[in-house]
Protein backbone atom coordinates (compact mmCIF):
# COMPACT_ATOMS: atom_id res chain seq x y z
CA UNK A 1 77.15 76.91 157.97
CA UNK A 2 76.29 78.23 154.58
CA UNK A 3 78.96 78.97 152.03
CA UNK A 4 79.11 82.48 150.62
CA UNK A 5 78.62 82.81 146.88
CA UNK A 6 81.52 84.18 144.93
CA UNK A 7 80.93 87.45 143.17
CA UNK A 8 80.54 86.86 139.46
CA UNK A 9 83.00 88.35 137.09
CA UNK A 10 81.60 90.57 134.44
CA UNK A 11 81.96 89.14 130.99
CA UNK A 12 82.96 91.79 128.54
CA UNK A 13 81.21 91.56 125.21
CA UNK A 14 83.44 91.28 122.18
CA UNK A 15 84.08 94.61 120.60
CA UNK A 16 81.96 95.17 117.51
CA UNK A 17 83.71 95.49 114.16
CA UNK A 18 85.07 98.94 113.51
CA UNK A 19 82.78 100.94 111.28
CA UNK A 20 84.37 102.47 108.21
CA UNK A 21 84.19 106.19 107.64
CA UNK A 22 81.95 107.82 105.07
CA UNK A 23 85.00 108.09 102.83
CA UNK A 24 85.22 104.30 102.63
CA UNK A 25 82.37 104.43 100.09
CA UNK A 26 84.90 105.86 97.61
CA UNK A 27 87.01 102.72 98.02
CA UNK A 28 83.97 100.46 97.91
CA UNK A 29 82.83 102.02 94.61
CA UNK A 30 86.31 101.65 93.10
CA UNK A 31 86.52 98.01 94.22
CA UNK A 32 83.15 97.06 92.72
CA UNK A 33 84.62 97.38 89.23
CA UNK A 34 87.17 94.61 89.88
CA UNK A 35 86.03 91.06 89.06
CA UNK A 36 86.33 88.49 91.83
CA UNK A 37 86.86 91.04 94.58
CA UNK A 38 84.90 90.53 97.80
CA UNK A 39 84.54 92.62 100.93
CA UNK A 40 84.85 91.01 104.35
CA UNK A 41 84.03 92.59 107.70
CA UNK A 42 86.64 91.91 110.38
CA UNK A 43 87.18 93.23 113.88
CA UNK A 44 89.98 95.43 112.55
CA UNK A 45 87.77 96.87 109.82
CA UNK A 46 86.67 96.00 106.30
CA UNK A 47 89.03 94.06 104.06
CA UNK A 48 88.93 93.63 100.28
CA UNK A 49 89.91 90.11 99.26
CA UNK A 50 90.79 88.53 95.98
CA UNK A 51 90.09 84.86 96.53
CA UNK A 52 91.60 84.08 99.93
CA UNK A 53 94.26 86.79 99.82
CA UNK A 54 93.98 90.31 101.20
CA UNK A 55 94.14 92.98 98.54
CA UNK A 56 93.46 96.14 100.58
CA UNK A 57 92.23 96.97 104.06
CA UNK A 58 91.11 99.91 106.14
CA UNK A 59 93.93 101.40 108.20
CA UNK A 60 93.74 101.97 111.94
CA UNK A 61 92.82 105.64 111.50
CA UNK A 62 89.56 104.70 109.77
CA UNK A 63 90.00 107.05 106.80
CA UNK A 64 92.93 105.47 104.97
CA UNK A 65 93.15 102.38 102.81
CA UNK A 66 96.33 100.27 102.83
CA UNK A 67 97.25 98.79 99.44
CA UNK A 68 100.34 96.83 98.29
CA UNK A 69 102.25 98.67 95.58
CA UNK A 70 105.65 98.74 93.90
CA UNK A 71 108.37 100.47 95.93
CA UNK A 72 109.27 103.05 93.27
CA UNK A 73 105.64 104.00 92.59
CA UNK A 74 105.01 104.37 96.32
CA UNK A 75 107.93 106.79 96.59
CA UNK A 76 106.73 108.75 93.55
CA UNK A 77 103.15 109.03 94.86
CA UNK A 78 104.24 110.05 98.36
CA UNK A 79 106.56 112.72 96.94
CA UNK A 80 103.93 114.08 94.54
CA UNK A 81 100.98 114.14 96.95
CA UNK A 82 102.10 113.69 100.57
CA UNK A 83 98.67 114.63 101.94
CA UNK A 84 97.06 111.75 100.02
CA UNK A 85 99.75 109.04 99.96
CA UNK A 86 102.16 107.85 102.66
CA UNK A 87 104.46 104.88 103.07
CA UNK A 88 102.96 102.20 105.30
CA UNK A 89 105.82 99.76 105.72
CA UNK A 90 106.12 96.43 103.95
CA UNK A 91 104.48 93.03 104.11
CA UNK A 92 105.93 89.82 102.67
CA UNK A 93 108.33 91.71 100.45
CA UNK A 94 105.81 94.12 98.96
CA UNK A 95 105.69 97.79 99.82
CA UNK A 96 102.46 99.19 101.24
CA UNK A 97 100.97 102.61 100.61
CA UNK A 98 98.44 104.34 102.85
CA UNK A 99 95.87 106.20 100.75
CA UNK A 100 93.88 108.92 102.53
CA UNK A 101 90.36 108.40 101.18
CA UNK A 102 89.22 111.99 101.77
CA UNK A 103 91.81 113.38 99.35
CA UNK A 104 92.25 110.69 96.70
CA UNK A 105 90.71 110.91 93.26
CA UNK A 106 88.32 108.00 92.57
CA UNK A 107 90.03 107.21 89.25
CA UNK A 108 93.47 107.06 90.86
CA UNK A 109 92.19 104.78 93.60
CA UNK A 110 90.54 102.48 91.04
CA UNK A 111 93.80 102.33 89.05
CA UNK A 112 95.88 101.49 92.15
CA UNK A 113 93.43 98.77 93.23
CA UNK A 114 93.46 97.30 89.70
CA UNK A 115 97.28 97.28 89.67
CA UNK A 116 97.39 95.60 93.07
CA UNK A 117 94.82 93.00 91.94
CA UNK A 118 96.82 92.29 88.79
CA UNK A 119 100.03 91.87 90.79
CA UNK A 120 98.26 89.61 93.30
CA UNK A 121 96.84 87.43 90.53
CA UNK A 122 100.27 87.22 88.89
CA UNK A 123 101.96 86.10 92.14
CA UNK A 124 99.16 83.61 92.84
CA UNK A 125 99.50 82.09 89.38
CA UNK A 126 103.27 81.97 89.75
CA UNK A 127 102.94 80.06 93.02
CA UNK A 128 100.50 77.58 91.45
CA UNK A 129 102.77 76.83 88.46
CA UNK A 130 105.90 76.27 90.57
CA UNK A 131 104.25 73.77 92.92
């Protein structure tokens, strides 16, 4: 008596990395001006890194960039331009702002990325000197 073969399970391919929107080019251009900043493709979307640490990343909606920022500046930006800036929670004690790339001015985005990079470098240096 011959044994029946089991039906094979379909193997689902891994989902490809999420493609950024056309507006992500605005963020990419602003990030190119920062020294030491690299872009990494992940399954969740592109991420800008400074060394090994995440500086900014594409939000789930595909048209917003999430950037760490000071709490008071986040509140000021969200109150001044709610269509462009929104609070995005907090991560490791730093507030996050969601920047809608379709509405943001390229100069403002470059300034916010530079401030975030400066703050990230400062915290990295502080961690190296205390250890």
